[in-house]
């Protein structure tokens, strides 16, 4: 993508560990269960700390790009 377009914004969203660890079980974390919420929050905080320390890369991101030649599609 970056070979043909200019990046306007890129927002990494993590998911490096969480999508593997929580695959097929995240539905068992009930929002009305404080213990489950606390466990989920600890997992998310651990991943965020690793991402912030650049110990792991982000697996998911959303990007906004602009055509390099500046032309708009009509």
N, C-alpha and C. Protein backbone atom coordinates (compact mmCIF):
# COMPACT_ATOMS: atom_id res chain seq x y z
N UNK A 1 0.83 -1.19 0.00
CA UNK A 1 0.00 0.00 0.00
C UNK A 1 0.88 1.26 0.00
N UNK A 2 1.89 1.26 0.86
CA UNK A 2 2.71 2.46 0.99
C UNK A 2 3.59 2.72 -0.23
N UNK A 3 3.73 1.75 -1.11
CA UNK A 3 4.48 1.96 -2.34
C UNK A 3 3.67 2.79 -3.34
N UNK A 4 2.34 2.78 -3.21
CA UNK A 4 1.49 3.47 -4.18
C UNK A 4 0.68 4.63 -3.60
N UNK A 5 0.59 4.70 -2.28
CA UNK A 5 -0.24 5.72 -1.65
C UNK A 5 0.55 6.43 -0.55
N UNK A 6 0.14 7.65 -0.25
CA UNK A 6 0.72 8.41 0.86
C UNK A 6 -0.11 8.15 2.11
N UNK A 7 0.56 7.82 3.19
CA UNK A 7 -0.13 7.56 4.44
C UNK A 7 -0.59 8.88 5.06
N UNK A 8 -1.86 8.95 5.40
CA UNK A 8 -2.42 10.10 6.10
C UNK A 8 -2.42 9.81 7.60
N UNK A 9 -2.83 8.61 7.96
CA UNK A 9 -2.87 8.21 9.37
C UNK A 9 -2.80 6.70 9.46
N UNK A 10 -2.20 6.22 10.53
CA UNK A 10 -2.16 4.78 10.80
C UNK A 10 -2.33 4.59 12.29
N UNK A 11 -3.33 3.83 12.67
CA UNK A 11 -3.63 3.58 14.08
C UNK A 11 -3.51 2.08 14.37
N UNK A 12 -2.43 1.67 15.07
CA UNK A 12 -2.31 0.27 15.45
C UNK A 12 -3.30 -0.07 16.57
N UNK A 13 -3.84 -1.28 16.52
CA UNK A 13 -4.84 -1.69 17.50
C UNK A 13 -4.44 -2.92 18.30
N UNK A 14 -3.19 -3.34 18.22
CA UNK A 14 -2.76 -4.48 19.03
C UNK A 14 -3.32 -5.78 18.50
N UNK A 15 -3.79 -6.61 19.42
CA UNK A 15 -4.34 -7.90 19.03
C UNK A 15 -3.29 -8.99 18.87
N UNK A 16 -2.05 -8.64 19.07
CA UNK A 16 -0.96 -9.58 18.85
C UNK A 16 -1.12 -10.83 19.72
N UNK A 17 -1.43 -10.64 20.97
CA UNK A 17 -1.61 -11.77 21.88
C UNK A 17 -3.08 -12.05 22.17
N UNK A 18 -3.85 -10.98 22.33
CA UNK A 18 -5.25 -11.16 22.75
C UNK A 18 -6.06 -12.00 21.78
N UNK A 19 -5.86 -11.82 20.48
CA UNK A 19 -6.69 -12.59 19.55
C UNK A 19 -6.33 -14.07 19.59
N UNK A 20 -5.13 -14.39 20.01
CA UNK A 20 -4.75 -15.80 20.16
C UNK A 20 -5.22 -16.37 21.50
N UNK A 21 -4.98 -15.61 22.56
CA UNK A 21 -5.33 -16.08 23.91
C UNK A 21 -6.83 -16.19 24.10
N UNK A 22 -7.57 -15.26 23.53
CA UNK A 22 -9.02 -15.21 23.77
C UNK A 22 -9.86 -15.87 22.68
N UNK A 23 -9.21 -16.43 21.69
CA UNK A 23 -9.93 -17.08 20.58
C UNK A 23 -10.91 -18.13 21.13
N UNK A 24 -12.15 -17.96 20.78
CA UNK A 24 -13.25 -18.87 21.14
C UNK A 24 -13.62 -18.89 22.62
N UNK A 25 -12.99 -18.03 23.43
CA UNK A 25 -13.37 -18.00 24.85
C UNK A 25 -13.80 -16.61 25.31
N UNK A 26 -13.57 -15.58 24.49
CA UNK A 26 -13.89 -14.23 24.93
C UNK A 26 -15.37 -14.09 25.27
N UNK A 27 -16.23 -14.85 24.64
CA UNK A 27 -17.65 -14.81 24.95
C UNK A 27 -17.99 -15.27 26.35
N UNK A 28 -17.06 -15.92 27.00
CA UNK A 28 -17.28 -16.37 28.38
C UNK A 28 -17.00 -15.27 29.41
N UNK A 29 -16.43 -14.16 28.97
CA UNK A 29 -16.16 -13.04 29.87
C UNK A 29 -17.42 -12.19 29.96
N UNK A 30 -18.11 -12.30 31.08
CA UNK A 30 -19.37 -11.56 31.25
C UNK A 30 -19.10 -10.19 31.84
N UNK A 31 -19.75 -9.18 31.25
CA UNK A 31 -19.56 -7.81 31.71
C UNK A 31 -20.05 -7.59 33.14
N UNK A 32 -20.97 -8.41 33.60
CA UNK A 32 -21.51 -8.24 34.95
C UNK A 32 -20.74 -9.07 35.98
N UNK A 33 -19.63 -9.66 35.57
CA UNK A 33 -18.77 -10.45 36.47
C UNK A 33 -17.48 -9.68 36.72
N UNK A 34 -17.35 -9.04 37.88
CA UNK A 34 -16.17 -8.22 38.16
C UNK A 34 -14.85 -8.99 38.03
N UNK A 35 -14.86 -10.26 38.40
CA UNK A 35 -13.64 -11.06 38.29
C UNK A 35 -13.26 -11.27 36.82
N UNK A 36 -14.24 -11.55 35.99
CA UNK A 36 -13.97 -11.74 34.56
C UNK A 36 -13.48 -10.45 33.92
N UNK A 37 -14.10 -9.34 34.29
CA UNK A 37 -13.68 -8.04 33.75
C UNK A 37 -12.25 -7.73 34.19
N UNK A 38 -11.94 -8.02 35.44
CA UNK A 38 -10.59 -7.77 35.95
C UNK A 38 -9.56 -8.64 35.23
N UNK A 39 -9.90 -9.89 34.96
CA UNK A 39 -8.97 -10.77 34.21
C UNK A 39 -8.75 -10.25 32.80
N UNK A 40 -9.83 -9.86 32.14
CA UNK A 40 -9.71 -9.32 30.80
C UNK A 40 -8.86 -8.05 30.81
N UNK A 41 -9.12 -7.17 31.77
CA UNK A 41 -8.36 -5.92 31.87
C UNK A 41 -6.87 -6.18 32.09
N UNK A 42 -6.54 -7.19 32.90
CA UNK A 42 -5.12 -7.53 33.12
C UNK A 42 -4.47 -8.05 31.86
N UNK A 43 -5.19 -8.88 31.11
CA UNK A 43 -4.65 -9.37 29.83
C UNK A 43 -4.42 -8.23 28.86
N UNK A 44 -5.40 -7.34 28.76
CA UNK A 44 -5.27 -6.21 27.84
C UNK A 44 -4.14 -5.28 28.27
N UNK A 45 -3.99 -5.06 29.56
CA UNK A 45 -2.92 -4.19 30.07
C UNK A 45 -1.55 -4.81 29.79
N UNK A 46 -1.45 -6.13 29.93
CA UNK A 46 -0.18 -6.81 29.65
C UNK A 46 0.19 -6.66 28.18
N UNK A 47 -0.78 -6.86 27.29
CA UNK A 47 -0.49 -6.68 25.88
C UNK A 47 -0.12 -5.23 25.58
N UNK A 48 -0.86 -4.27 26.14
CA UNK A 48 -0.57 -2.86 25.91
C UNK A 48 0.84 -2.51 26.37
N UNK A 49 1.27 -3.05 27.52
CA UNK A 49 2.62 -2.78 28.02
C UNK A 49 3.68 -3.32 27.06
N UNK A 50 3.46 -4.51 26.53
CA UNK A 50 4.40 -5.08 25.57
C UNK A 50 4.43 -4.29 24.27
N UNK A 51 3.26 -3.83 23.81
CA UNK A 51 3.20 -3.00 22.61
C UNK A 51 3.91 -1.66 22.84
N UNK A 52 3.65 -1.03 23.98
CA UNK A 52 4.26 0.26 24.28
C UNK A 52 5.78 0.16 24.39
N UNK A 53 6.27 -0.98 24.90
CA UNK A 53 7.71 -1.21 25.03
C UNK A 53 8.34 -1.66 23.72
N UNK A 54 7.49 -1.81 22.70
CA UNK A 54 7.91 -2.29 21.38
C UNK A 54 8.56 -3.68 21.46
N UNK A 55 8.09 -4.46 22.44
CA UNK A 55 8.55 -5.84 22.57
C UNK A 55 7.82 -6.76 21.60
N UNK A 56 6.61 -6.35 21.19
CA UNK A 56 5.83 -7.08 20.20
C UNK A 56 5.23 -6.07 19.23
N UNK A 57 4.97 -6.47 17.99
CA UNK A 57 4.33 -5.55 17.04
C UNK A 57 2.81 -5.65 17.17
N UNK A 58 2.12 -4.69 16.61
CA UNK A 58 0.67 -4.72 16.55
C UNK A 58 0.25 -5.57 15.35
N UNK A 59 -0.67 -6.49 15.55
CA UNK A 59 -1.15 -7.32 14.45
C UNK A 59 -2.28 -6.65 13.67
N UNK A 60 -2.97 -5.71 14.28
CA UNK A 60 -4.11 -5.07 13.63
C UNK A 60 -3.92 -3.56 13.59
N UNK A 61 -4.36 -2.95 12.51
CA UNK A 61 -4.26 -1.50 12.37
C UNK A 61 -5.33 -1.02 11.40
N UNK A 62 -5.65 0.26 11.52
CA UNK A 62 -6.53 0.93 10.57
C UNK A 62 -5.71 2.05 9.96
N UNK A 63 -5.73 2.13 8.64
CA UNK A 63 -4.96 3.16 7.96
C UNK A 63 -5.81 3.99 7.03
N UNK A 64 -5.42 5.23 6.87
CA UNK A 64 -6.04 6.13 5.91
C UNK A 64 -4.93 6.56 4.96
N UNK A 65 -5.18 6.37 3.66
CA UNK A 65 -4.17 6.67 2.64
C UNK A 65 -4.77 7.55 1.55
N UNK A 66 -3.91 8.31 0.90
CA UNK A 66 -4.31 9.19 -0.18
C UNK A 66 -3.57 8.76 -1.44
N UNK A 67 -4.29 8.85 -2.57
CA UNK A 67 -3.64 8.53 -3.84
C UNK A 67 -2.42 9.42 -4.01
N UNK A 68 -1.32 8.84 -4.41
CA UNK A 68 -0.07 9.57 -4.52
C UNK A 68 -0.12 10.67 -5.58
N UNK A 69 -0.83 10.46 -6.67
CA UNK A 69 -0.86 11.45 -7.74
C UNK A 69 -1.81 12.62 -7.46
N UNK A 70 -2.54 12.55 -6.38
CA UNK A 70 -3.41 13.65 -5.98
C UNK A 70 -4.74 13.72 -6.72
N UNK A 71 -4.92 12.86 -7.69
CA UNK A 71 -6.20 12.88 -8.44
C UNK A 71 -7.29 12.24 -7.61
N UNK A 72 -8.49 12.75 -7.79
CA UNK A 72 -9.66 12.17 -7.13
C UNK A 72 -10.41 11.33 -8.13
N UNK A 73 -11.01 10.30 -7.61
CA UNK A 73 -11.90 9.49 -8.46
C UNK A 73 -13.18 10.28 -8.69
N UNK A 74 -13.69 10.25 -9.89
CA UNK A 74 -14.86 11.04 -10.20
C UNK A 74 -16.06 10.25 -10.30
